[in-house]
Amino acid sequence: MTTDRDGRATWTREAAGRIERTDGTVAPVIYPPETDRFEGYHVWDTWPLRNRDGSLAENDGYRVVCALTTTDDLLPGKRHDVASIHYFTSRDGESWSHGGPLFSGDALGSRQWAGSTMYDDGDVYAFYTAAGERGEDDLSYTQRIAVATGGTVDVEDDGLRIDGEWDHRILLEPDGDRYERPDQSRGMTYTFRDPWFFEDLETGETYLLFEANTPTPEGADPCGGDVEAGNFNGSVGIARSPTGDPIDWELEPPLLDAVCVNQELERPHLVVRDGTYYLFVSSHQHTFAPGIVGYDALYGFVADDLRGAYRPLNGHGLVATNPANAPFQSYSWTAYDHGDEVLVVSFFNYYEYVGESLDGIADLPESEQRRRFGGTLAPTLRIDLDGDRTELLGTLRHGSLPLPSEELSPVDLGGRLRGTDGQGGSYRS
């Protein structure tokens, strides 16, 4: 891992070239849950409601997850075109109820993509991606980072509700210098999205992380003559609040870039343990540059401070991925600290499908496209985090969201996940 003159770390082609599926990184095959399928809805890209200090929020025994949502009469592949944010509540972190749309009125953009939601002294701050322009006739892919304020949490006999007179505003747009604008994109998938609120308890500073692209000017040669690889320029962006106010932000240079390696470092977020910073992102196999073989997976990096020289976990960055015989079964992972382990939540994507990419889904009959889309919460992963090494220990049921105070069952060494040549499989007792 190298660092640029402005302090950003770089995921190098050398490190990414070592990515491989191993017993310690491959999750077991997922099957549809018997309950919590959220009848009538597609649900994906989930994230928990957190307190300002990053801990899971709990209100009178309730915890909350937010997710991108559409009705399930839509083909799954079209869901991103009309996505809005809904919320779901649970008393036990196991069984979930649909609370409804998070916003009571119109949000910014023609649709809303992923973000994060923060609870602070009774107030809810909902950070999200405003995709497209409200009222547009043809879908556009402009992306701006937005926030909605004015939400409150109310708990009554019939459950938890998030209500309020929401005020929406744009917080950040790409500057064209540190972060690529749409007109600078070279035709690859463009990104300026996925805001994630983070208060650094080590320093007291307040930040937003987000997914972006690093500008690579026409004629530049960042990959030593490999012109095609130079089109891949994903980065993890960051903004700082000079006042600590969650609606006051200034862009700073990226934390990490993946120029010549990967186009999309999605859903960036941090877990801080004993002064060590663990940066996690999700990415797809098709967004890696030519010459690098990666997977739909959770990737991670570690540094000694927020602006440190991030090193790829496990020597290459891969933390948890789908098995080769179910390569697209889950996606959009979010990790949080749970005592001796890190727990990772995600959504149940396509199952009983093996293909080179998700493009093949569109060739299936519509009935099969619907059947093979999970569209709900995936099993929670249990991961051991030790310095710059990780190991996948096992899973909890679909949608499990234990509080750090809730003890997990011990993991017997003999019961850890063991695949067959990295292909996935079951737990061995």
Protein backbone atom coordinates (compact mmCIF):
# COMPACT_ATOMS: atom_id res chain seq x y z
CA MET A 1 0.00 0.00 0.00
CA THR A 2 1.35 3.41 -0.95
CA THR A 3 0.34 6.95 0.01
CA ASP A 4 0.01 10.00 -2.23
CA ARG A 5 1.44 13.41 -1.43
CA ASP A 6 -1.96 14.57 -0.13
CA GLY A 7 -2.09 11.67 2.34
CA ARG A 8 -4.42 9.31 0.51
CA ALA A 9 -3.63 5.61 0.51
CA THR A 10 -3.67 3.57 -2.70
CA TRP A 11 -4.92 0.03 -3.25
CA THR A 12 -2.21 -1.22 -5.55
CA ARG A 13 -2.49 -3.65 -8.44
CA GLU A 14 0.17 -5.77 -6.77
CA ALA A 15 -1.96 -6.23 -3.63
CA ALA A 16 -5.26 -6.67 -5.51
CA GLY A 17 -3.60 -9.23 -7.77
CA ARG A 18 -3.29 -11.56 -4.76
CA ILE A 19 -7.07 -11.76 -4.17
CA GLU A 20 -8.29 -15.34 -3.79
CA ARG A 21 -11.14 -17.25 -2.23
CA THR A 22 -10.06 -19.14 0.90
CA ASP A 23 -11.80 -21.08 3.66
CA GLY A 24 -11.50 -18.02 5.88
CA THR A 25 -13.24 -15.66 3.44
CA VAL A 26 -16.05 -17.65 1.74
CA ALA A 27 -19.59 -17.60 3.14
CA PRO A 28 -21.90 -20.63 2.92
CA VAL A 29 -24.65 -20.87 0.33
CA ILE A 30 -27.77 -18.90 1.30
CA TYR A 31 -31.33 -20.18 0.94
CA PRO A 32 -34.55 -18.16 1.22
CA PRO A 33 -35.74 -17.54 4.80
CA GLU A 34 -39.07 -18.88 5.94
CA THR A 35 -40.08 -15.51 7.41
CA ASP A 36 -39.19 -11.82 7.05
CA ARG A 37 -39.49 -11.80 3.27
CA PHE A 38 -41.37 -8.44 3.44
CA GLU A 39 -44.23 -9.56 1.24
CA GLY A 40 -44.95 -7.07 -1.53
CA TYR A 41 -41.51 -5.43 -1.47
CA HIS A 42 -37.99 -5.73 -2.81
CA VAL A 43 -35.50 -4.74 -0.09
CA TRP A 44 -31.76 -4.19 -0.60
CA ASP A 45 -28.74 -2.05 0.44
CA THR A 46 -29.53 -2.09 4.16
CA TRP A 47 -27.94 -0.12 7.02
CA PRO A 48 -28.70 0.20 10.75
CA LEU A 49 -29.76 3.33 12.60
CA ARG A 50 -26.71 4.32 14.69
CA ASN A 51 -26.05 6.77 17.48
CA ARG A 52 -23.70 9.69 16.92
CA ASP A 53 -20.83 7.71 18.48
CA GLY A 54 -21.37 4.92 15.93
CA SER A 55 -23.05 2.43 18.26
CA LEU A 56 -26.30 0.74 17.28
CA ALA A 57 -29.27 2.86 18.31
CA GLU A 58 -31.86 1.29 20.62
CA ASN A 59 -35.12 2.95 21.63
CA ASP A 60 -37.23 1.24 24.29
CA GLY A 61 -35.90 -2.10 23.12
CA TYR A 62 -36.32 -1.38 19.40
CA ARG A 63 -33.57 -1.27 16.82
CA VAL A 64 -33.98 -0.01 13.25
CA VAL A 65 -32.58 -0.78 9.82
CA CYS A 66 -33.11 1.31 6.71
CA ALA A 67 -33.04 -0.05 3.19
CA LEU A 68 -33.66 0.82 -0.42
CA THR A 69 -37.13 -0.47 -1.26
CA THR A 70 -39.57 -0.86 -4.13
CA THR A 71 -42.75 -2.83 -4.61
CA ASP A 72 -42.11 -6.34 -5.90
CA ASP A 73 -44.32 -5.99 -8.97
CA LEU A 74 -41.23 -4.42 -10.55
CA LEU A 75 -38.58 -6.62 -12.13
CA PRO A 76 -35.64 -6.75 -9.70
CA GLY A 77 -33.23 -5.36 -12.29
CA LYS A 78 -35.32 -2.17 -12.56
CA ARG A 79 -35.46 -1.46 -8.83
CA HIS A 80 -32.63 1.12 -8.79
CA ASP A 81 -34.64 3.35 -11.13
CA VAL A 82 -37.38 4.02 -8.58
CA ALA A 83 -35.71 3.30 -5.23
CA SER A 84 -36.76 5.06 -2.05
CA ILE A 85 -35.70 4.58 1.56
CA HIS A 86 -37.91 2.61 3.95
CA TYR A 87 -37.29 1.58 7.54
CA PHE A 88 -37.85 -1.66 9.45
CA THR A 89 -38.05 -2.23 13.20
CA SER A 90 -37.34 -5.10 15.57
CA ARG A 91 -37.46 -5.66 19.33
CA ASP A 92 -35.16 -8.67 19.31
CA GLY A 93 -32.87 -7.97 16.35
CA GLU A 94 -34.21 -11.14 14.72
CA SER A 95 -37.76 -10.55 13.43
CA TRP A 96 -38.47 -7.35 11.50
CA SER A 97 -41.59 -5.30 10.78
CA HIS A 98 -41.96 -2.88 7.88
CA GLY A 99 -42.34 0.67 9.20
CA GLY A 100 -42.95 2.26 5.79
CA PRO A 101 -41.19 5.04 3.86
CA LEU A 102 -38.64 6.95 5.91
CA PHE A 103 -39.65 10.32 4.44
CA SER A 104 -43.21 11.56 4.65
CA GLY A 105 -42.84 13.82 1.60
CA ASP A 106 -40.75 14.16 -1.53
CA ALA A 107 -37.03 13.64 -1.20
CA LEU A 108 -34.38 15.10 -3.50
CA GLY A 109 -33.55 13.38 -6.77
CA SER A 110 -35.75 11.26 -9.01
CA ARG A 111 -34.88 8.35 -6.68
CA GLN A 112 -32.82 7.85 -3.53
CA TRP A 113 -29.84 5.57 -3.15
CA ALA A 114 -27.95 4.34 -0.10
CA GLY A 115 -26.56 6.33 2.78
CA SER A 116 -26.60 6.22 6.58
CA THR A 117 -28.95 7.28 9.35
CA MET A 118 -27.84 8.84 12.63
CA TYR A 119 -29.80 9.32 15.88
CA ASP A 120 -28.63 12.21 18.04
CA ASP A 121 -30.43 13.33 21.21
CA GLY A 122 -33.90 12.65 19.81
CA ASP A 123 -33.20 13.85 16.26
CA VAL A 124 -32.77 11.70 13.16
CA TYR A 125 -30.31 12.73 10.46
CA ALA A 126 -30.81 10.77 7.24
CA PHE A 127 -27.87 11.02 4.83
CA TYR A 128 -28.60 9.67 1.36
CA THR A 129 -27.68 9.82 -2.31
CA ALA A 130 -29.94 12.04 -4.42
CA ALA A 131 -29.78 10.29 -7.82
CA GLY A 132 -31.08 12.11 -10.87
CA GLU A 133 -33.26 15.20 -10.78
CA ARG A 134 -36.78 15.36 -9.40
CA GLY A 135 -39.32 15.49 -12.23
CA GLU A 136 -36.93 14.41 -14.99
CA ASP A 137 -38.51 12.66 -17.96
CA ASP A 138 -35.48 10.49 -18.73
CA LEU A 139 -33.38 8.97 -15.99
CA SER A 140 -30.07 10.68 -15.40
CA TYR A 141 -27.24 9.46 -13.22
CA THR A 142 -26.10 12.62 -11.51
CA GLN A 143 -25.40 11.91 -7.85
CA ARG A 144 -25.24 14.34 -4.95
CA ILE A 145 -24.92 13.76 -1.25
CA ALA A 146 -27.99 14.93 0.62
CA VAL A 147 -29.37 15.02 4.14
CA ALA A 148 -32.87 15.08 5.60
CA THR A 149 -33.35 16.62 9.05
CA GLY A 150 -36.38 17.01 11.26
CA GLY A 151 -37.14 13.35 11.88
CA THR A 152 -37.97 12.03 15.32
CA VAL A 153 -38.42 8.61 16.88
CA ASP A 154 -41.66 7.81 18.72
CA VAL A 155 -42.37 4.56 20.54
CA GLU A 156 -45.96 3.70 21.36
CA ASP A 157 -47.87 0.55 22.21
CA ASP A 158 -48.08 -0.49 18.57
CA GLY A 159 -44.35 -0.07 17.93
CA LEU A 160 -41.70 2.41 16.87
CA ARG A 161 -42.39 5.14 14.33
CA ILE A 162 -40.05 7.60 12.61
CA ASP A 163 -41.96 10.78 11.80
CA GLY A 164 -41.30 14.45 11.26
CA GLU A 165 -41.39 17.41 8.92
CA TRP A 166 -38.31 16.55 6.92
CA ASP A 167 -36.09 19.28 5.50
CA HIS A 168 -33.95 18.10 2.58
CA ARG A 169 -30.78 19.78 1.37
CA ILE A 170 -27.78 18.99 -0.81
CA LEU A 171 -24.59 18.74 1.23
CA LEU A 172 -21.84 17.87 -1.24
CA GLU A 173 -21.19 17.75 -4.97
CA PRO A 174 -17.99 16.68 -6.75
CA ASP A 175 -15.41 19.44 -7.22
CA GLY A 176 -13.76 18.08 -10.38
CA ASP A 177 -10.34 18.26 -8.73
CA ARG A 178 -10.32 15.73 -5.92
CA TYR A 179 -13.55 14.07 -7.04
CA GLU A 180 -14.63 13.40 -10.60
CA ARG A 181 -17.67 15.17 -12.05
CA PRO A 182 -20.01 13.32 -14.44
CA ASP A 183 -18.65 15.27 -17.43
CA GLN A 184 -15.13 14.00 -16.61
CA SER A 185 -16.13 10.35 -16.54
CA ARG A 186 -14.66 8.13 -19.26
CA GLY A 187 -17.84 6.13 -19.76
CA MET A 188 -17.40 3.83 -16.80
CA THR A 189 -19.95 3.58 -13.99
CA TYR A 190 -19.93 6.99 -12.31
CA THR A 191 -20.03 7.35 -8.51
CA PHE A 192 -20.51 10.12 -5.96
CA ARG A 193 -22.73 8.47 -3.38
CA ASP A 194 -23.20 6.38 -0.22
CA PRO A 195 -22.62 8.97 2.55
CA TRP A 196 -21.69 7.41 5.91
CA PHE A 197 -21.58 9.55 9.07
CA PHE A 198 -18.57 9.01 11.32
CA GLU A 199 -17.55 10.74 14.54
CA ASP A 200 -13.92 9.98 15.34
CA LEU A 201 -13.91 9.40 19.09
CA GLU A 202 -10.10 9.44 19.06
CA THR A 203 -9.97 13.08 17.90
CA GLY A 204 -13.52 14.42 18.33
CA GLU A 205 -13.69 15.31 14.61
CA THR A 206 -16.83 14.68 12.54
CA TYR A 207 -16.71 13.22 9.03
CA LEU A 208 -18.73 11.86 6.12
CA LEU A 209 -17.26 9.03 4.06
CA PHE A 210 -18.58 8.40 0.56
CA GLU A 211 -17.88 6.56 -2.66
CA ALA A 212 -16.34 8.55 -5.51
CA ASN A 213 -13.96 8.51 -8.47
CA THR A 214 -10.52 10.12 -8.74
CA PRO A 215 -10.16 12.36 -11.83
CA THR A 216 -7.64 11.01 -14.32
CA PRO A 217 -7.21 13.70 -17.00
CA GLU A 218 -7.26 12.82 -20.67
CA GLY A 219 -3.77 11.92 -21.75
CA ALA A 220 -2.63 10.93 -18.27
CA ASP A 221 -0.92 7.56 -17.88
CA PRO A 222 -1.55 6.42 -14.29
CA CYS A 223 -1.08 2.72 -15.06
CA GLY A 224 2.24 2.74 -16.83
CA GLY A 225 0.95 2.31 -20.35
CA ASP A 226 -2.10 0.19 -19.56
CA VAL A 227 -4.66 2.56 -21.07
CA GLU A 228 -7.70 0.37 -20.35
CA ALA A 229 -6.81 -0.08 -16.67
CA GLY A 230 -6.48 3.71 -16.40
CA ASN A 231 -10.24 4.02 -16.87
CA PHE A 232 -10.80 2.36 -13.46
CA ASN A 233 -10.53 5.06 -10.80
CA GLY A 234 -12.64 4.32 -7.71
CA SER A 235 -11.96 6.11 -4.43
CA VAL A 236 -13.20 6.50 -0.86
CA GLY A 237 -14.00 10.16 -0.37
CA ILE A 238 -14.20 12.08 2.86
CA ALA A 239 -15.60 15.40 4.07
CA ARG A 240 -15.01 17.03 7.46
CA SER A 241 -17.36 19.18 9.49
CA PRO A 242 -15.36 22.18 10.80
CA THR A 243 -18.01 22.81 13.46
CA GLY A 244 -19.21 19.28 14.25
CA ASP A 245 -22.62 20.20 12.81
CA PRO A 246 -23.95 17.23 10.77
CA ILE A 247 -25.11 19.57 7.99
CA ASP A 248 -21.85 21.57 7.64
CA TRP A 249 -19.19 19.87 5.48
CA GLU A 250 -15.99 20.61 3.58
CA LEU A 251 -14.46 18.23 1.04
CA GLU A 252 -11.04 16.80 1.83
CA PRO A 253 -8.71 14.59 -0.27
CA PRO A 254 -9.77 10.93 -0.53
CA LEU A 255 -8.87 8.43 2.16
CA LEU A 256 -8.11 5.73 -0.39
CA ASP A 257 -8.08 5.39 -4.13
CA ALA A 258 -8.06 2.39 -6.42
CA VAL A 259 -6.86 3.92 -9.68
CA CYS A 260 -5.88 1.10 -12.07
CA VAL A 261 -7.56 -1.41 -9.71
CA ASN A 262 -11.31 -0.91 -9.29
CA GLN A 263 -14.07 1.44 -10.39
CA GLU A 264 -16.51 1.15 -7.47
CA LEU A 265 -15.61 1.17 -3.75
CA GLU A 266 -19.19 1.11 -2.52
CA ARG A 267 -20.70 1.75 0.90
CA PRO A 268 -17.41 2.81 2.64
CA HIS A 269 -17.47 2.69 6.44
CA LEU A 270 -15.17 2.32 9.43
CA VAL A 271 -14.82 0.16 12.51
CA VAL A 272 -12.39 1.59 15.09
CA ARG A 273 -10.97 -0.79 17.67
CA ASP A 274 -8.33 0.18 20.26
CA GLY A 275 -7.11 3.08 18.13
CA THR A 276 -6.87 0.99 14.95
CA TYR A 277 -8.96 2.03 11.96
CA TYR A 278 -10.59 -0.62 9.76
CA LEU A 279 -11.98 0.71 6.49
CA PHE A 280 -14.50 -1.52 4.69
CA VAL A 281 -16.00 -1.28 1.18
CA SER A 282 -18.16 -3.48 -1.04
CA SER A 283 -17.28 -4.12 -4.66
CA HIS A 284 -18.26 -6.25 -7.66
CA GLN A 285 -16.24 -8.68 -9.73
CA HIS A 286 -17.01 -6.73 -12.91
CA THR A 287 -15.65 -3.42 -11.56
CA PHE A 288 -12.06 -4.67 -11.25
CA ALA A 289 -9.63 -3.49 -13.90
CA PRO A 290 -8.42 -5.91 -16.60
CA GLY A 291 -5.78 -8.26 -15.26
CA ILE A 292 -7.24 -8.41 -11.73
CA VAL A 293 -9.63 -11.16 -10.67
CA GLY A 294 -11.96 -10.09 -7.86
CA TYR A 295 -15.40 -11.05 -6.61
CA ASP A 296 -18.62 -9.56 -5.31
CA ALA A 297 -17.28 -9.16 -1.80
CA LEU A 298 -16.54 -7.14 1.30
CA TYR A 299 -13.02 -5.70 1.17
CA GLY A 300 -11.09 -4.09 4.00
CA PHE A 301 -8.02 -2.07 4.91
CA VAL A 302 -6.33 -1.19 8.21
CA ALA A 303 -4.37 1.85 9.43
CA ASP A 304 -3.07 3.27 12.69
CA ASP A 305 -5.05 6.50 12.32
CA LEU A 306 -7.81 7.88 10.12
CA ARG A 307 -5.38 9.37 7.61
CA GLY A 308 -2.90 6.53 7.92
CA ALA A 309 -1.31 4.34 5.27
CA TYR A 310 -4.12 1.79 4.90
CA ARG A 311 -2.89 -1.76 4.37
CA PRO A 312 -5.15 -4.33 2.69
CA LEU A 313 -6.48 -6.87 5.17
CA ASN A 314 -5.19 -10.40 4.59
CA GLY A 315 -2.53 -8.98 2.28
CA HIS A 316 -4.95 -8.36 -0.59
CA GLY A 317 -8.13 -6.79 0.83
CA LEU A 318 -10.69 -9.61 0.55
CA VAL A 319 -12.58 -10.12 3.83
CA ALA A 320 -15.78 -12.01 2.91
CA THR A 321 -17.24 -13.16 -0.37
CA ASN A 322 -19.87 -15.40 -1.89
CA PRO A 323 -19.04 -18.99 -2.86
CA ALA A 324 -18.12 -19.71 -6.47
CA ASN A 325 -21.32 -21.70 -6.95
CA ALA A 326 -23.46 -18.76 -5.75
CA PRO A 327 -21.33 -15.72 -6.68
CA PHE A 328 -24.09 -13.09 -6.42
CA GLN A 329 -26.08 -14.34 -3.43
CA SER A 330 -25.43 -11.32 -1.20
CA TYR A 331 -24.08 -7.79 -1.47
CA SER A 332 -23.74 -4.36 0.17
CA TRP A 333 -22.11 -5.45 3.42
CA THR A 334 -21.96 -3.26 6.53
CA ALA A 335 -19.67 -4.23 9.43
CA TYR A 336 -20.00 -3.21 13.07
CA ASP A 337 -18.02 -4.06 16.18
CA HIS A 338 -19.40 -6.70 18.54
CA GLY A 339 -16.91 -7.38 21.32
CA ASP A 340 -14.42 -9.97 20.12
CA GLU A 341 -16.00 -10.18 16.67
CA VAL A 342 -17.13 -7.99 13.82
CA LEU A 343 -20.67 -8.64 12.60
CA VAL A 344 -21.55 -7.95 8.98
CA VAL A 345 -25.08 -7.37 7.68
CA SER A 346 -26.06 -7.38 4.00
CA PHE A 347 -28.98 -8.16 1.71
CA PHE A 348 -29.98 -11.39 -0.04
CA ASN A 349 -29.35 -10.81 -3.74
CA TYR A 350 -29.62 -13.46 -6.52
CA TYR A 351 -29.52 -17.15 -5.68
CA GLU A 352 -29.49 -20.36 -7.76
CA TYR A 353 -27.64 -18.39 -10.40
CA VAL A 354 -24.08 -18.95 -11.64
CA GLY A 355 -22.90 -16.69 -14.42
CA GLU A 356 -20.03 -14.51 -15.52
CA SER A 357 -21.96 -11.42 -14.43
CA LEU A 358 -25.42 -10.29 -13.40
CA ASP A 359 -26.07 -9.25 -17.00
CA GLY A 360 -27.23 -12.82 -17.63
CA ILE A 361 -30.18 -12.35 -15.29
CA ALA A 362 -31.93 -10.26 -17.93
CA ASP A 363 -31.86 -13.26 -20.31
CA LEU A 364 -33.94 -15.37 -17.92
CA PRO A 365 -37.75 -15.49 -18.12
CA GLU A 366 -39.32 -12.77 -15.99
CA SER A 367 -40.74 -15.37 -13.62
CA GLU A 368 -37.21 -16.68 -13.00
CA GLN A 369 -35.79 -13.20 -12.53
CA ARG A 370 -38.32 -12.66 -9.75
CA ARG A 371 -37.89 -16.09 -8.18
CA ARG A 372 -34.12 -15.90 -7.99
CA PHE A 373 -33.98 -12.46 -6.39
CA GLY A 374 -33.81 -12.69 -2.59
CA GLY A 375 -34.87 -9.08 -1.95
CA THR A 376 -34.61 -9.33 1.82
CA LEU A 377 -32.06 -9.36 4.65
CA ALA A 378 -29.18 -11.83 4.34
CA PRO A 379 -27.65 -13.94 7.12
CA THR A 380 -25.30 -11.92 9.33
CA LEU A 381 -21.63 -12.90 9.09
CA ARG A 382 -19.42 -13.42 12.15
CA ILE A 383 -15.83 -12.36 11.49
CA ASP A 384 -12.75 -12.59 13.67
CA LEU A 385 -10.60 -9.45 13.36
CA ASP A 386 -7.00 -9.76 14.54
CA GLY A 387 -4.59 -7.03 13.48
CA ASP A 388 -4.40 -7.15 9.70
CA ARG A 389 -5.93 -10.64 9.43
CA THR A 390 -9.57 -11.73 9.35
CA GLU A 391 -11.40 -15.06 9.41
CA LEU A 392 -15.03 -15.84 8.73
CA LEU A 393 -16.25 -17.81 11.76
CA GLY A 394 -19.88 -18.49 10.90
CA THR A 395 -23.25 -16.88 10.33
CA LEU A 396 -26.35 -15.87 12.24
CA ARG A 397 -29.85 -16.11 10.79
CA HIS A 398 -31.21 -13.77 8.12
CA GLY A 399 -31.36 -10.20 9.39
CA SER A 400 -29.80 -10.77 12.82
CA LEU A 401 -28.69 -7.49 14.40
CA PRO A 402 -27.44 -8.24 17.94
CA LEU A 403 -26.50 -5.38 20.22
CA PRO A 404 -22.92 -5.46 21.55
CA SER A 405 -24.39 -6.20 25.00
CA GLU A 406 -26.07 -9.37 23.68
CA GLU A 407 -23.84 -12.40 23.97
CA LEU A 408 -23.33 -14.67 20.98
CA SER A 409 -23.08 -18.43 21.14
CA PRO A 410 -19.47 -19.62 21.27
CA VAL A 411 -17.95 -20.73 17.98
CA ASP A 412 -16.33 -24.14 18.30
CA LEU A 413 -13.10 -24.33 16.30
CA GLY A 414 -14.45 -27.50 14.74
CA GLY A 415 -17.59 -25.69 13.68
CA ARG A 416 -15.98 -22.87 11.75
CA LEU A 417 -16.84 -22.45 8.12
CA ARG A 418 -14.93 -24.82 5.92
CA GLY A 419 -15.45 -24.70 2.19
CA THR A 420 -14.08 -27.07 -0.40
CA ASP A 421 -11.29 -25.41 -2.36
CA GLY A 422 -12.93 -22.05 -1.64
CA GLN A 423 -16.21 -23.10 -3.19
CA GLY A 424 -18.37 -22.53 -0.13
CA GLY A 425 -20.25 -25.30 1.61
CA SER A 426 -21.53 -25.93 5.10
CA TYR A 427 -20.26 -25.93 8.67
CA ARG A 428 -18.36 -28.92 9.85
CA SER A 429 -19.07 -30.24 13.36
